[in-house]
Amino acid sequence: MLTTEQKLLCGAAHLGWIVGFPIIAPLIIMLLTADMFVKNQAKEALAFQIGMMILGAIFGFLSIILIGIPFLLVVWFAAFILPVIATIRSCKGIDYSYPITGSFIRKNL
């Protein structure tokens, strides 16, 4: 069973984009916490947010020639929904892994 502090830190790592800190919040939590569950969730959130920013920039650029608009909408939808799902599952004590960046992070970091 997770403590309230662990739940709060996991939620802050996954939902840092709401207050405008999509990379800073999980990075700070990852560096300052000693708990491995919270640290893994912060790594997942950090990698996901970096990936979403890169994909958003690529598809935003491609939107100039109208190819990237549908992909940009998918990225925005994923960037909004997946962190909410991750927060709910990690607060229940489930070791959540994002479907887009999770396998890469689990293998390499």
N, C-alpha and C. Protein backbone atom coordinates (compact mmCIF):
# COMPACT_ATOMS: atom_id res chain seq x y z
N MET A 1 0.84 -1.18 0.00
CA MET A 1 0.00 0.00 0.00
C MET A 1 0.89 1.25 0.00
N LEU A 2 0.56 2.17 -0.85
CA LEU A 2 1.35 3.39 -0.97
C LEU A 2 0.96 4.39 0.11
N THR A 3 1.95 5.16 0.54
CA THR A 3 1.66 6.22 1.49
C THR A 3 1.09 7.42 0.75
N THR A 4 0.57 8.37 1.48
CA THR A 4 0.02 9.57 0.87
C THR A 4 1.09 10.37 0.15
N GLU A 5 2.28 10.39 0.72
CA GLU A 5 3.38 11.12 0.09
C GLU A 5 3.76 10.49 -1.26
N GLN A 6 3.80 9.17 -1.32
CA GLN A 6 4.11 8.49 -2.57
C GLN A 6 3.05 8.79 -3.63
N LYS A 7 1.79 8.75 -3.23
CA LYS A 7 0.71 9.05 -4.17
C LYS A 7 0.79 10.47 -4.67
N LEU A 8 1.08 11.41 -3.78
CA LEU A 8 1.19 12.81 -4.15
C LEU A 8 2.35 13.04 -5.12
N LEU A 9 3.49 12.42 -4.85
CA LEU A 9 4.64 12.59 -5.73
C LEU A 9 4.41 11.95 -7.10
N CYS A 10 3.77 10.79 -7.13
CA CYS A 10 3.45 10.16 -8.42
C CYS A 10 2.48 11.03 -9.22
N GLY A 11 1.48 11.55 -8.55
CA GLY A 11 0.52 12.43 -9.22
C GLY A 11 1.16 13.70 -9.73
N ALA A 12 2.05 14.28 -8.94
CA ALA A 12 2.74 15.50 -9.36
C ALA A 12 3.67 15.24 -10.54
N ALA A 13 4.29 14.07 -10.57
CA ALA A 13 5.19 13.74 -11.68
C ALA A 13 4.41 13.58 -12.98
N HIS A 14 3.29 12.87 -12.91
CA HIS A 14 2.51 12.63 -14.12
C HIS A 14 1.71 13.85 -14.58
N LEU A 15 1.25 14.64 -13.63
CA LEU A 15 0.39 15.78 -13.99
C LEU A 15 1.10 17.12 -13.89
N GLY A 16 2.41 17.13 -13.98
CA GLY A 16 3.16 18.37 -13.92
C GLY A 16 2.85 19.31 -15.07
N TRP A 17 2.38 18.78 -16.18
CA TRP A 17 2.06 19.61 -17.35
C TRP A 17 0.87 20.52 -17.09
N ILE A 18 0.03 20.19 -16.13
CA ILE A 18 -1.14 21.02 -15.85
C ILE A 18 -0.73 22.39 -15.32
N VAL A 19 0.32 22.43 -14.50
CA VAL A 19 0.77 23.70 -13.95
C VAL A 19 1.90 24.31 -14.77
N GLY A 20 2.19 23.73 -15.93
CA GLY A 20 3.17 24.32 -16.83
C GLY A 20 4.58 23.80 -16.68
N PHE A 21 4.78 22.72 -15.95
CA PHE A 21 6.12 22.15 -15.77
C PHE A 21 6.16 20.70 -16.22
N PRO A 22 6.00 20.43 -17.51
CA PRO A 22 5.93 19.04 -17.96
C PRO A 22 7.24 18.27 -17.82
N ILE A 23 8.37 18.96 -17.84
CA ILE A 23 9.65 18.28 -17.72
C ILE A 23 10.28 18.53 -16.35
N ILE A 24 10.11 19.72 -15.82
CA ILE A 24 10.76 20.08 -14.56
C ILE A 24 10.19 19.29 -13.38
N ALA A 25 8.88 19.13 -13.30
CA ALA A 25 8.26 18.44 -12.16
C ALA A 25 8.73 16.99 -12.04
N PRO A 26 8.64 16.16 -13.11
CA PRO A 26 9.14 14.79 -12.93
C PRO A 26 10.64 14.70 -12.73
N LEU A 27 11.39 15.64 -13.31
CA LEU A 27 12.84 15.62 -13.14
C LEU A 27 13.22 15.89 -11.69
N ILE A 28 12.61 16.88 -11.08
CA ILE A 28 12.90 17.20 -9.68
C ILE A 28 12.49 16.04 -8.78
N ILE A 29 11.32 15.47 -9.02
CA ILE A 29 10.86 14.35 -8.20
C ILE A 29 11.79 13.15 -8.37
N MET A 30 12.22 12.89 -9.59
CA MET A 30 13.11 11.77 -9.85
C MET A 30 14.46 11.94 -9.13
N LEU A 31 14.97 13.15 -9.11
CA LEU A 31 16.27 13.39 -8.50
C LEU A 31 16.23 13.46 -6.98
N LEU A 32 15.12 13.88 -6.41
CA LEU A 32 15.07 14.09 -4.97
C LEU A 32 14.51 12.93 -4.15
N THR A 33 13.77 12.04 -4.77
CA THR A 33 13.16 10.97 -4.00
C THR A 33 14.09 9.76 -3.90
N ALA A 34 13.94 9.04 -2.81
CA ALA A 34 14.72 7.81 -2.62
C ALA A 34 13.86 6.57 -2.88
N ASP A 35 12.57 6.74 -2.97
CA ASP A 35 11.65 5.63 -3.18
C ASP A 35 11.71 5.18 -4.64
N MET A 36 11.96 3.89 -4.87
CA MET A 36 12.12 3.39 -6.23
C MET A 36 10.82 3.41 -7.03
N PHE A 37 9.68 3.18 -6.39
CA PHE A 37 8.41 3.22 -7.12
C PHE A 37 8.15 4.62 -7.66
N VAL A 38 8.33 5.63 -6.82
CA VAL A 38 8.13 7.02 -7.23
C VAL A 38 9.17 7.41 -8.27
N LYS A 39 10.40 6.97 -8.09
CA LYS A 39 11.46 7.30 -9.04
C LYS A 39 11.15 6.71 -10.42
N ASN A 40 10.67 5.46 -10.47
CA ASN A 40 10.32 4.84 -11.75
C ASN A 40 9.15 5.56 -12.41
N GLN A 41 8.16 5.96 -11.63
CA GLN A 41 7.03 6.68 -12.20
C GLN A 41 7.46 8.05 -12.72
N ALA A 42 8.38 8.71 -12.01
CA ALA A 42 8.89 10.00 -12.49
C ALA A 42 9.69 9.84 -13.77
N LYS A 43 10.46 8.75 -13.89
CA LYS A 43 11.20 8.48 -15.14
C LYS A 43 10.24 8.27 -16.30
N GLU A 44 9.19 7.50 -16.04
CA GLU A 44 8.19 7.26 -17.08
C GLU A 44 7.55 8.58 -17.51
N ALA A 45 7.16 9.41 -16.55
CA ALA A 45 6.52 10.68 -16.87
C ALA A 45 7.46 11.61 -17.62
N LEU A 46 8.72 11.65 -17.21
CA LEU A 46 9.70 12.51 -17.87
C LEU A 46 9.92 12.09 -19.32
N ALA A 47 10.10 10.81 -19.54
CA ALA A 47 10.32 10.32 -20.90
C ALA A 47 9.08 10.56 -21.77
N PHE A 48 7.91 10.35 -21.21
CA PHE A 48 6.69 10.56 -21.97
C PHE A 48 6.52 12.03 -22.35
N GLN A 49 6.77 12.93 -21.42
CA GLN A 49 6.60 14.35 -21.71
C GLN A 49 7.63 14.84 -22.73
N ILE A 50 8.86 14.34 -22.64
CA ILE A 50 9.86 14.71 -23.64
C ILE A 50 9.44 14.18 -25.01
N GLY A 51 8.97 12.96 -25.05
CA GLY A 51 8.51 12.39 -26.31
C GLY A 51 7.34 13.15 -26.90
N MET A 52 6.41 13.57 -26.07
CA MET A 52 5.26 14.33 -26.55
C MET A 52 5.68 15.71 -27.08
N MET A 53 6.67 16.32 -26.43
CA MET A 53 7.15 17.62 -26.91
C MET A 53 7.84 17.47 -28.27
N ILE A 54 8.63 16.42 -28.43
CA ILE A 54 9.30 16.19 -29.71
C ILE A 54 8.29 15.90 -30.80
N LEU A 55 7.35 15.00 -30.53
CA LEU A 55 6.32 14.69 -31.53
C LEU A 55 5.45 15.90 -31.84
N GLY A 56 5.14 16.69 -30.82
CA GLY A 56 4.35 17.91 -31.05
C GLY A 56 5.07 18.90 -31.95
N ALA A 57 6.38 19.03 -31.74
CA ALA A 57 7.16 19.94 -32.58
C ALA A 57 7.23 19.44 -34.02
N ILE A 58 7.45 18.14 -34.18
CA ILE A 58 7.53 17.58 -35.54
C ILE A 58 6.20 17.73 -36.27
N PHE A 59 5.12 17.32 -35.63
CA PHE A 59 3.82 17.39 -36.29
C PHE A 59 3.31 18.82 -36.39
N GLY A 60 3.73 19.69 -35.47
CA GLY A 60 3.40 21.10 -35.60
C GLY A 60 4.04 21.70 -36.84
N PHE A 61 5.29 21.34 -37.08
CA PHE A 61 5.97 21.80 -38.28
C PHE A 61 5.31 21.23 -39.53
N LEU A 62 4.95 19.95 -39.49
CA LEU A 62 4.30 19.33 -40.65
C LEU A 62 2.88 19.85 -40.88
N SER A 63 2.32 20.51 -39.89
CA SER A 63 0.98 21.10 -40.07
C SER A 63 1.00 22.26 -41.06
N ILE A 64 2.16 22.81 -41.30
CA ILE A 64 2.26 23.89 -42.29
C ILE A 64 1.81 23.38 -43.65
N ILE A 65 2.15 22.13 -43.96
CA ILE A 65 1.73 21.57 -45.25
C ILE A 65 0.53 20.63 -45.08
N LEU A 66 -0.17 20.76 -43.97
CA LEU A 66 -1.43 20.08 -43.66
C LEU A 66 -1.32 18.58 -43.44
N ILE A 67 -0.13 18.00 -43.55
CA ILE A 67 0.02 16.57 -43.30
C ILE A 67 -0.03 16.27 -41.80
N GLY A 68 0.52 17.14 -40.99
CA GLY A 68 0.66 16.86 -39.57
C GLY A 68 -0.55 17.14 -38.72
N ILE A 69 -1.59 17.76 -39.26
CA ILE A 69 -2.74 18.14 -38.44
C ILE A 69 -3.41 16.94 -37.76
N PRO A 70 -3.74 15.85 -38.46
CA PRO A 70 -4.36 14.73 -37.76
C PRO A 70 -3.43 14.10 -36.72
N PHE A 71 -2.14 14.03 -37.03
CA PHE A 71 -1.19 13.46 -36.08
C PHE A 71 -1.03 14.37 -34.86
N LEU A 72 -1.05 15.66 -35.08
CA LEU A 72 -0.95 16.61 -33.99
C LEU A 72 -2.15 16.49 -33.05
N LEU A 73 -3.32 16.26 -33.60
CA LEU A 73 -4.51 16.05 -32.77
C LEU A 73 -4.39 14.78 -31.93
N VAL A 74 -3.83 13.73 -32.51
CA VAL A 74 -3.61 12.49 -31.77
C VAL A 74 -2.60 12.70 -30.64
N VAL A 75 -1.55 13.45 -30.91
CA VAL A 75 -0.53 13.73 -29.89
C VAL A 75 -1.15 14.54 -28.76
N TRP A 76 -1.94 15.55 -29.08
CA TRP A 76 -2.59 16.35 -28.04
C TRP A 76 -3.53 15.50 -27.20
N PHE A 77 -4.28 14.63 -27.84
CA PHE A 77 -5.21 13.76 -27.12
C PHE A 77 -4.43 12.82 -26.19
N ALA A 78 -3.36 12.22 -26.71
CA ALA A 78 -2.55 11.31 -25.90
C ALA A 78 -1.87 12.05 -24.75
N ALA A 79 -1.39 13.25 -25.00
CA ALA A 79 -0.72 14.03 -23.97
C ALA A 79 -1.67 14.46 -22.87
N PHE A 80 -2.95 14.50 -23.16
CA PHE A 80 -3.94 14.88 -22.15
C PHE A 80 -4.45 13.65 -21.39
N ILE A 81 -4.78 12.58 -22.08
CA ILE A 81 -5.44 11.43 -21.48
C ILE A 81 -4.47 10.49 -20.76
N LEU A 82 -3.35 10.16 -21.38
CA LEU A 82 -2.45 9.16 -20.81
C LEU A 82 -1.87 9.54 -19.45
N PRO A 83 -1.48 10.80 -19.19
CA PRO A 83 -1.01 11.14 -17.84
C PRO A 83 -2.11 11.02 -16.77
N VAL A 84 -3.35 11.28 -17.15
CA VAL A 84 -4.44 11.12 -16.19
C VAL A 84 -4.61 9.64 -15.84
N ILE A 85 -4.56 8.78 -16.84
CA ILE A 85 -4.63 7.34 -16.60
C ILE A 85 -3.44 6.88 -15.76
N ALA A 86 -2.26 7.40 -16.06
CA ALA A 86 -1.06 7.03 -15.31
C ALA A 86 -1.17 7.45 -13.85
N THR A 87 -1.72 8.62 -13.61
CA THR A 87 -1.89 9.10 -12.24
C THR A 87 -2.85 8.21 -11.47
N ILE A 88 -3.96 7.89 -12.07
CA ILE A 88 -4.96 7.05 -11.40
C ILE A 88 -4.37 5.68 -11.07
N ARG A 89 -3.71 5.08 -12.04
CA ARG A 89 -3.15 3.73 -11.81
C ARG A 89 -1.98 3.75 -10.82
N SER A 90 -1.12 4.74 -10.90
CA SER A 90 0.02 4.76 -9.98
C SER A 90 -0.43 5.07 -8.55
N CYS A 91 -1.50 5.84 -8.39
CA CYS A 91 -2.02 6.11 -7.05
C CYS A 91 -2.70 4.88 -6.45
N LYS A 92 -3.09 3.94 -7.30
CA LYS A 92 -3.65 2.67 -6.81
C LYS A 92 -2.54 1.66 -6.50
N GLY A 93 -1.31 2.02 -6.79
CA GLY A 93 -0.19 1.14 -6.52
C GLY A 93 0.23 0.29 -7.69
N ILE A 94 -0.34 0.52 -8.86
CA ILE A 94 0.01 -0.23 -10.07
C ILE A 94 1.21 0.44 -10.71
N ASP A 95 2.21 -0.35 -11.05
CA ASP A 95 3.41 0.19 -11.70
C ASP A 95 3.09 0.46 -13.16
N TYR A 96 2.63 1.67 -13.45
CA TYR A 96 2.15 2.02 -14.79
C TYR A 96 3.30 2.34 -15.72
N SER A 97 3.16 1.88 -16.96
CA SER A 97 4.14 2.16 -18.01
C SER A 97 3.39 2.71 -19.22
N TYR A 98 3.82 3.86 -19.73
CA TYR A 98 3.16 4.46 -20.88
C TYR A 98 3.29 3.56 -22.11
N PRO A 99 2.24 3.48 -22.92
CA PRO A 99 2.31 2.61 -24.10
C PRO A 99 3.29 3.10 -25.17
N ILE A 100 3.60 4.36 -25.20
CA ILE A 100 4.45 4.91 -26.26
C ILE A 100 5.93 4.83 -25.89
N THR A 101 6.29 5.29 -24.71
CA THR A 101 7.69 5.35 -24.33
C THR A 101 8.07 4.36 -23.24
N GLY A 102 7.11 3.66 -22.69
CA GLY A 102 7.35 2.81 -21.53
C GLY A 102 8.33 1.68 -21.75
N SER A 103 8.22 0.96 -22.83
CA SER A 103 9.12 -0.18 -23.05
C SER A 103 10.57 0.28 -23.26
N PHE A 104 10.75 1.41 -23.92
CA PHE A 104 12.09 1.95 -24.13
C PHE A 104 12.71 2.34 -22.79
N ILE A 105 11.94 3.00 -21.94
CA ILE A 105 12.45 3.44 -20.65
C ILE A 105 12.76 2.26 -19.76
N ARG A 106 11.89 1.27 -19.74
CA ARG A 106 12.11 0.10 -18.88
C ARG A 106 13.37 -0.66 -19.28
N LYS A 107 13.68 -0.71 -20.55
CA LYS A 107 14.84 -1.46 -21.02
C LYS A 107 16.15 -0.68 -20.87
N ASN A 108 16.09 0.63 -21.07
CA ASN A 108 17.33 1.41 -21.16
C ASN A 108 17.68 2.23 -19.95
N LEU A 109 16.74 2.53 -19.08
CA LEU A 109 17.08 3.36 -17.92
C LEU A 109 16.89 2.64 -16.64
